[in-house]
C-alpha atoms as a PDB file:
ATOM      1  CA  MET A   1     140.401  27.949  50.516  1.00  0.00           C
ATOM      2  CA  THR A   2     143.644  28.009  50.558  1.00  0.00           C
ATOM      3  CA  GLN A   3     145.474  31.187  49.700  1.00  0.00           C
ATOM      4  CA  ALA A   4     147.466  30.834  47.023  1.00  0.00           C
ATOM      5  CA  LYS A   5     151.133  32.794  47.149  1.00  0.00           C
ATOM      6  CA  PRO A   6     151.973  36.329  45.952  1.00  0.00           C
ATOM      7  CA  GLN A   7     154.018  35.884  42.916  1.00  0.00           C
ATOM      8  CA  PRO A   8     157.229  37.221  42.833  1.00  0.00           C
ATOM      9  CA  GLN A   9     157.179  41.174  41.533  1.00  0.00           C
ATOM     10  CA  PRO A  10     159.570  42.834  39.223  1.00  0.00           C
ATOM     11  CA  GLN A  11     161.805  44.390  41.104  1.00  0.00           C
ATOM     12  CA  THR A  12     165.281  46.566  42.133  1.00  0.00           C
ATOM     13  CA  ASP A  13     167.993  44.532  43.153  1.00  0.00           C
ATOM     14  CA  PRO A  14     169.791  45.722  46.227  1.00  0.00           C
ATOM     15  CA  ALA A  15     173.657  46.630  46.397  1.00  0.00           C
ATOM     16  CA  ASP A  16     173.903  46.682  42.760  1.00  0.00           C
ATOM     17  CA  ILE A  17     173.406  42.844  42.682  1.00  0.00           C
ATOM     18  CA  ARG A  18     171.960  41.407  39.525  1.00  0.00           C
ATOM     19  CA  VAL A  19     169.132  38.396  39.923  1.00  0.00           C
ATOM     20  CA  PRO A  20     170.050  36.838  36.767  1.00  0.00           C
ATOM     21  CA  ASP A  21     167.411  37.803  33.666  1.00  0.00           C
ATOM     22  CA  THR A  22     166.932  34.145  32.051  1.00  0.00           C
ATOM     23  CA  ALA A  23     164.469  31.577  31.735  1.00  0.00           C
ATOM     24  CA  LEU A  24     166.351  29.706  34.459  1.00  0.00           C
ATOM     25  CA  ALA A  25     166.988  31.826  37.244  1.00  0.00           C
ATOM     26  CA  ARG A  26     162.800  33.060  36.991  1.00  0.00           C
ATOM     27  CA  GLU A  27     161.962  28.836  36.744  1.00  0.00           C
ATOM     28  CA  ALA A  28     164.035  28.488  39.059  1.00  0.00           C
ATOM     29  CA  THR A  29     162.458  31.588  41.309  1.00  0.00           C
ATOM     30  CA  GLN A  30     158.760  30.565  40.919  1.00  0.00           C
ATOM     31  CA  LEU A  31     159.636  26.196  41.108  1.00  0.00           C
ATOM     32  CA  VAL A  32     161.414  28.475  44.576  1.00  0.00           C
ATOM     33  CA  ARG A  33     158.057  30.584  46.072  1.00  0.00           C
ATOM     34  CA  ASP A  34     155.534  28.337  44.828  1.00  0.00           C
ATOM     35  CA  THR A  35     157.011  24.942  47.325  1.00  0.00           C
ATOM     36  CA  THR A  36     158.526  26.886  49.873  1.00  0.00           C
ATOM     37  CA  SER A  37     157.670  29.199  52.982  1.00  0.00           C
ATOM     38  CA  ASP A  38     158.543  32.679  53.128  1.00  0.00           C
ATOM     39  CA  LEU A  39     161.060  32.070  55.402  1.00  0.00           C
ATOM     40  CA  ILE A  40     162.985  30.248  53.224  1.00  0.00           C
ATOM     41  CA  TYR A  41     162.278  32.153  50.138  1.00  0.00           C
ATOM     42  CA  HIS A  42     163.095  35.300  51.214  1.00  0.00           C
ATOM     43  CA  HIS A  43     167.012  33.524  53.007  1.00  0.00           C
ATOM     44  CA  SER A  44     167.729  31.957  50.136  1.00  0.00           C
ATOM     45  CA  ARG A  45     167.614  34.686  48.264  1.00  0.00           C
ATOM     46  CA  ARG A  46     169.573  36.846  51.096  1.00  0.00           C
ATOM     47  CA  VAL A  47     171.914  34.287  50.676  1.00  0.00           C
ATOM     48  CA  TYR A  48     172.559  35.073  46.457  1.00  0.00           C
ATOM     49  CA  PHE A  49     173.268  38.551  47.913  1.00  0.00           C
ATOM     50  CA  PHE A  50     175.535  37.768  50.120  1.00  0.00           C
ATOM     51  CA  GLY A  51     177.428  35.435  48.958  1.00  0.00           C
ATOM     52  CA  SER A  52     177.625  37.717  45.765  1.00  0.00           C
ATOM     53  CA  LEU A  53     178.284  40.823  47.298  1.00  0.00           C
ATOM     54  CA  GLN A  54     181.652  38.380  49.915  1.00  0.00           C
ATOM     55  CA  GLY A  55     182.730  37.354  45.610  1.00  0.00           C
ATOM     56  CA  ARG A  56     183.457  40.688  44.862  1.00  0.00           C
ATOM     57  CA  ASN A  57     185.159  41.632  48.334  1.00  0.00           C
ATOM     58  CA  ARG A  58     187.147  38.804  47.251  1.00  0.00           C
ATOM     59  CA  ASP A  59     187.464  39.211  44.123  1.00  0.00           C
ATOM     60  CA  LEU A  60     185.690  35.970  42.545  1.00  0.00           C
ATOM     61  CA  GLY A  61     184.966  35.280  38.379  1.00  0.00           C
ATOM     62  CA  PHE A  62     181.708  33.568  39.055  1.00  0.00           C
ATOM     63  CA  ASP A  63     178.965  32.771  37.008  1.00  0.00           C
ATOM     64  CA  PRO A  64     175.616  34.507  38.769  1.00  0.00           C
ATOM     65  CA  GLU A  65     173.306  31.841  37.447  1.00  0.00           C
ATOM     66  CA  LEU A  66     175.082  28.379  39.096  1.00  0.00           C
ATOM     67  CA  LEU A  67     175.163  30.809  42.053  1.00  0.00           C
ATOM     68  CA  TYR A  68     171.520  31.815  41.709  1.00  0.00           C
ATOM     69  CA  ILE A  69     170.433  28.055  41.068  1.00  0.00           C
ATOM     70  CA  GLY A  70     172.141  27.172  44.726  1.00  0.00           C
ATOM     71  CA  ALA A  71     171.212  29.623  46.726  1.00  0.00           C
ATOM     72  CA  MET A  72     167.605  29.581  46.518  1.00  0.00           C
ATOM     73  CA  PHE A  73     168.011  25.546  46.165  1.00  0.00           C
ATOM     74  CA  HIS A  74     169.476  24.923  49.102  1.00  0.00           C
ATOM     75  CA  ASP A  75     167.450  24.217  51.838  1.00  0.00           C
ATOM     76  CA  LEU A  76     164.507  22.730  49.650  1.00  0.00           C
ATOM     77  CA  GLY A  77     164.994  19.616  51.438  1.00  0.00           C
ATOM     78  CA  LEU A  78     163.665  21.295  54.690  1.00  0.00           C
ATOM     79  CA  ASN A  79     160.250  20.954  53.144  1.00  0.00           C
ATOM     80  CA  GLU A  80     158.003  18.315  54.109  1.00  0.00           C
ATOM     81  CA  GLU A  81     157.463  15.635  50.829  1.00  0.00           C
ATOM     82  CA  PHE A  82     161.651  14.661  52.482  1.00  0.00           C
ATOM     83  CA  ARG A  83     161.172  14.379  55.644  1.00  0.00           C
ATOM     84  CA  GLY A  84     161.224  10.146  54.732  1.00  0.00           C
ATOM     85  CA  SER A  85     164.158  10.157  52.627  1.00  0.00           C
ATOM     86  CA  GLY A  86     166.714   9.364  55.024  1.00  0.00           C
ATOM     87  CA  ARG A  87     169.025  10.852  53.503  1.00  0.00           C
ATOM     88  CA  ARG A  88     170.915  14.202  54.500  1.00  0.00           C
ATOM     89  CA  PHE A  89     168.268  17.092  53.609  1.00  0.00           C
ATOM     90  CA  GLU A  90     171.220  18.922  51.644  1.00  0.00           C
ATOM     91  CA  VAL A  91     171.543  16.384  50.143  1.00  0.00           C
ATOM     92  CA  ASP A  92     167.914  16.304  48.692  1.00  0.00           C
ATOM     93  CA  SER A  93     167.837  20.448  48.472  1.00  0.00           C
ATOM     94  CA  ALA A  94     171.767  19.538  45.896  1.00  0.00           C
ATOM     95  CA  GLU A  95     169.417  16.472  43.710  1.00  0.00           C
ATOM     96  CA  GLU A  96     165.952  18.522  43.145  1.00  0.00           C
ATOM     97  CA  ALA A  97     168.291  21.311  41.647  1.00  0.00           C
ATOM     98  CA  ARG A  98     170.192  18.359  39.477  1.00  0.00           C
ATOM     99  CA  LYS A  99     167.066  17.366  38.401  1.00  0.00           C
ATOM    100  CA  PHE A 100     165.719  20.731  37.647  1.00  0.00           C
ATOM    101  CA  LEU A 101     168.892  21.548  35.948  1.00  0.00           C
ATOM    102  CA  GLN A 102     169.382  18.600  33.634  1.00  0.00           C
ATOM    103  CA  SER A 103     165.339  18.887  32.592  1.00  0.00           C
ATOM    104  CA  HIS A 104     166.952  22.346  31.047  1.00  0.00           C
ATOM    105  CA  ASP A 105     169.809  20.496  29.561  1.00  0.00           C
ATOM    106  CA  VAL A 106     172.695  22.393  31.281  1.00  0.00           C
ATOM    107  CA  PRO A 107     176.098  21.114  31.418  1.00  0.00           C
ATOM    108  CA  PRO A 108     176.765  18.084  33.287  1.00  0.00           C
ATOM    109  CA  ASP A 109     179.831  20.760  34.722  1.00  0.00           C
ATOM    110  CA  SER A 110     177.930  23.369  35.632  1.00  0.00           C
ATOM    111  CA  VAL A 111     175.052  20.714  37.343  1.00  0.00           C
ATOM    112  CA  ARG A 112     177.938  19.129  39.578  1.00  0.00           C
ATOM    113  CA  ARG A 113     179.001  22.532  40.788  1.00  0.00           C
ATOM    114  CA  VAL A 114     176.014  23.902  41.637  1.00  0.00           C
ATOM    115  CA  TRP A 115     174.851  19.567  43.477  1.00  0.00           C
ATOM    116  CA  THR A 116     178.809  20.466  45.415  1.00  0.00           C
ATOM    117  CA  ALA A 117     178.034  23.594  46.676  1.00  0.00           C
ATOM    118  CA  ILE A 118     174.162  22.772  48.215  1.00  0.00           C
ATOM    119  CA  ALA A 119     175.621  19.381  49.186  1.00  0.00           C
ATOM    120  CA  LEU A 120     178.847  20.927  51.090  1.00  0.00           C
ATOM    121  CA  HIS A 121     176.850  24.100  52.291  1.00  0.00           C
ATOM    122  CA  THR A 122     176.889  23.159  56.069  1.00  0.00           C
ATOM    123  CA  THR A 123     180.090  21.498  55.840  1.00  0.00           C
ATOM    124  CA  PRO A 124     182.888  24.576  56.952  1.00  0.00           C
ATOM    125  CA  GLY A 125     186.212  24.077  55.713  1.00  0.00           C
ATOM    126  CA  ILE A 126     185.906  22.615  52.463  1.00  0.00           C
ATOM    127  CA  PRO A 127     183.766  25.116  50.450  1.00  0.00           C
ATOM    128  CA  GLU A 128     185.962  28.031  50.402  1.00  0.00           C
ATOM    129  CA  PHE A 129     188.882  26.351  48.996  1.00  0.00           C
ATOM    130  CA  MET A 130     186.939  25.394  45.632  1.00  0.00           C
ATOM    131  CA  GLU A 131     185.146  25.849  43.081  1.00  0.00           C
ATOM    132  CA  PRO A 132     184.110  29.850  43.438  1.00  0.00           C
ATOM    133  CA  GLU A 133     179.896  28.504  43.163  1.00  0.00           C
ATOM    134  CA  VAL A 134     180.570  26.279  45.539  1.00  0.00           C
ATOM    135  CA  ALA A 135     182.269  28.375  47.748  1.00  0.00           C
ATOM    136  CA  LEU A 136     179.917  31.677  47.562  1.00  0.00           C
ATOM    137  CA  VAL A 137     176.999  29.963  49.149  1.00  0.00           C
ATOM    138  CA  THR A 138     178.040  28.706  51.573  1.00  0.00           C
ATOM    139  CA  ALA A 139     179.388  32.129  52.172  1.00  0.00           C
ATOM    140  CA  GLY A 140     176.577  33.764  51.264  1.00  0.00           C
ATOM    141  CA  VAL A 141     174.745  30.781  53.709  1.00  0.00           C
ATOM    142  CA  GLU A 142     177.177  31.279  56.689  1.00  0.00           C
ATOM    143  CA  TYR A 143     177.227  34.588  56.325  1.00  0.00           C
ATOM    144  CA  ASP A 144     173.022  35.044  56.725  1.00  0.00           C
ATOM    145  CA  VAL A 145     172.582  32.315  59.439  1.00  0.00           C
ATOM    146  CA  LEU A 146     175.633  32.530  61.572  1.00  0.00           C
ATOM    147  CA  GLY A 147     177.313  36.845  60.820  1.00  0.00           C
ATOM    148  CA  ILE A 148     180.437  35.580  59.667  1.00  0.00           C
ATOM    149  CA  GLY A 149     181.928  37.954  58.066  1.00  0.00           C
ATOM    150  CA  TYR A 150     179.328  40.683  59.419  1.00  0.00           C
ATOM    151  CA  ASP A 151     181.647  43.808  58.650  1.00  0.00           C
ATOM    152  CA  ASP A 152     182.542  42.970  55.255  1.00  0.00           C
ATOM    153  CA  ILE A 153     179.422  44.364  53.844  1.00  0.00           C
ATOM    154  CA  SER A 154     178.786  47.727  54.343  1.00  0.00           C
ATOM    155  CA  ALA A 155     175.569  48.831  56.880  1.00  0.00           C
ATOM    156  CA  ALA A 156     174.145  50.250  53.633  1.00  0.00           C
ATOM    157  CA  ASP A 157     174.395  46.775  51.180  1.00  0.00           C
ATOM    158  CA  ARG A 158     172.843  45.239  53.881  1.00  0.00           C
ATOM    159  CA  ALA A 159     170.456  47.036  55.505  1.00  0.00           C
ATOM    160  CA  ALA A 160     169.391  46.777  50.895  1.00  0.00           C
ATOM    161  CA  ILE A 161     168.773  43.549  50.524  1.00  0.00           C
ATOM    162  CA  VAL A 162     167.027  43.261  54.294  1.00  0.00           C
ATOM    163  CA  ALA A 163     164.655  45.608  52.759  1.00  0.00           C
ATOM    164  CA  LEU A 164     164.342  43.676  49.760  1.00  0.00           C
ATOM    165  CA  HIS A 165     163.500  40.804  51.938  1.00  0.00           C
ATOM    166  CA  PRO A 166     163.545  41.371  55.038  1.00  0.00           C
ATOM    167  CA  ARG A 167     164.535  38.629  58.037  1.00  0.00           C
ATOM    168  CA  PRO A 168     161.235  38.873  61.269  1.00  0.00           C
ATOM    169  CA  ASP A 169     161.891  36.180  63.873  1.00  0.00           C
ATOM    170  CA  PHE A 170     165.011  34.859  61.905  1.00  0.00           C
ATOM    171  CA  LYS A 171     167.635  33.871  63.664  1.00  0.00           C
ATOM    172  CA  ARG A 172     164.206  31.681  65.894  1.00  0.00           C
ATOM    173  CA  GLN A 173     162.264  30.794  62.375  1.00  0.00           C
ATOM    174  CA  ILE A 174     165.350  29.495  60.846  1.00  0.00           C
ATOM    175  CA  LEU A 175     166.468  27.133  63.879  1.00  0.00           C
ATOM    176  CA  ALA A 176     162.199  25.736  63.668  1.00  0.00           C
ATOM    177  CA  ALA A 177     162.828  25.505  60.296  1.00  0.00           C
ATOM    178  CA  PHE A 178     166.361  23.229  60.675  1.00  0.00           C
ATOM    179  CA  THR A 179     164.382  21.631  63.119  1.00  0.00           C
ATOM    180  CA  GLU A 180     161.689  20.299  61.445  1.00  0.00           C
ATOM    181  CA  GLY A 181     163.042  19.204  58.426  1.00  0.00           C
ATOM    182  CA  ILE A 182     165.510  16.576  60.211  1.00  0.00           C
ATOM    183  CA  ARG A 183     163.861  15.768  63.173  1.00  0.00           C
ATOM    184  CA  PRO A 184     162.344  12.272  61.226  1.00  0.00           C
ATOM    185  CA  LYS A 185     165.884  11.259  60.194  1.00  0.00           C
ATOM    186  CA  PRO A 186     167.574  12.219  63.503  1.00  0.00           C
ATOM    187  CA  GLU A 187     170.807   9.677  62.404  1.00  0.00           C
ATOM    188  CA  THR A 188     171.989  12.190  59.522  1.00  0.00           C
ATOM    189  CA  THR A 189     172.651  14.789  61.527  1.00  0.00           C
ATOM    190  CA  PHE A 190     176.470  12.513  62.780  1.00  0.00           C
ATOM    191  CA  GLY A 191     179.448  14.283  62.309  1.00  0.00           C
ATOM    192  CA  ASN A 192     177.381  17.852  60.786  1.00  0.00           C
ATOM    193  CA  VAL A 193     176.376  21.190  62.597  1.00  0.00           C
ATOM    194  CA  LYS A 194     172.754  19.815  62.244  1.00  0.00           C
ATOM    195  CA  ALA A 195     173.491  17.263  65.362  1.00  0.00           C
ATOM    196  CA  ASP A 196     173.315  20.730  67.545  1.00  0.00           C
ATOM    197  CA  VAL A 197     170.042  21.586  66.238  1.00  0.00           C
ATOM    198  CA  LEU A 198     168.432  18.269  67.652  1.00  0.00           C
ATOM    199  CA  GLU A 199     170.429  18.968  71.246  1.00  0.00           C
ATOM    200  CA  HIS A 200     168.507  21.966  71.413  1.00  0.00           C
ATOM    201  CA  PHE A 201     165.487  21.303  70.538  1.00  0.00           C
ATOM    202  CA  VAL A 202     164.327  17.540  70.808  1.00  0.00           C
ATOM    203  CA  PRO A 203     164.060  16.115  73.883  1.00  0.00           C
ATOM    204  CA  GLY A 204     165.963  13.098  74.309  1.00  0.00           C
ATOM    205  CA  PHE A 205     167.766  13.435  71.524  1.00  0.00           C
ATOM    206  CA  GLU A 206     171.137  11.413  71.741  1.00  0.00           C
ATOM    207  CA  ARG A 207     174.009  12.677  68.692  1.00  0.00           C
ATOM    208  CA  GLY A 208     176.342   9.883  67.446  1.00  0.00           C
ATOM    209  CA  ASP A 209     179.679   9.932  69.010  1.00  0.00           C
ATOM    210  CA  PHE A 210     182.475   9.224  66.344  1.00  0.00           C
ATOM    211  CA  VAL A 211     184.728   6.879  68.999  1.00  0.00           C
ATOM    212  CA  ASP A 212     181.703   5.335  70.248  1.00  0.00           C
ATOM    213  CA  THR A 213     180.889   4.724  66.845  1.00  0.00           C
ATOM    214  CA  ILE A 214     185.079   3.513  66.436  1.00  0.00           C
ATOM    215  CA  LEU A 215     185.690   1.057  69.610  1.00  0.00           C
ATOM    216  CA  GLU A 216     181.936   0.453  69.185  1.00  0.00           C
ATOM    217  CA  SER A 217     182.567  -1.112  65.704  1.00  0.00           C
ATOM    218  CA  PRO A 218     182.381  -5.290  64.721  1.00  0.00           C
ATOM    219  CA  TRP A 219     186.092  -4.821  64.369  1.00  0.00           C
ATOM    220  CA  GLN A 220     188.810  -7.283  67.057  1.00  0.00           C
ATOM    221  CA  ASP A 221     190.779  -4.366  66.909  1.00  0.00           C
END
């Protein structure tokens, strides 16, 4: 018999950052809690908190609800049901967020912001110049996964967030999740950072080469 996952419980938000107390946010929390692993759930929540703090540090005005939805959905495309999609997992994640938001009659521009935030969260150098919600999903991911801007957030705030959403053996576990999520569709790593993951962990993987692709194209010259 499969044991049910524990349900999200009301709790004090760390670092003086509030999770939006809206029906949309609560439904998103429940959906992600029900459909992903503890690893992805806790990571996604940390992304929201760290992204919010980086937004405060950068004096960016942002919609907390949109940032929260972007953070919560950003890795949903790693789930097993998407491994045969043939699309980048970021796009699968973004599409799930789009469907969720549209089913709740969220305005198109807000849907677009969340979709873009998720789709670009592994494409460094671009999101930081876009709308705050787009920039801050990436900032939260880069903080939690890569440690970029580590000292921008105080040790006390960092500890409060990790106490609420622990990261035991996180580096190894998130790399394993990336590997399993994209191993069945290696072609989707062409030109993006996930090629590094498969090169490290999947024997026989050969990354696509941009120069070879140009030289071997059907054009005569």
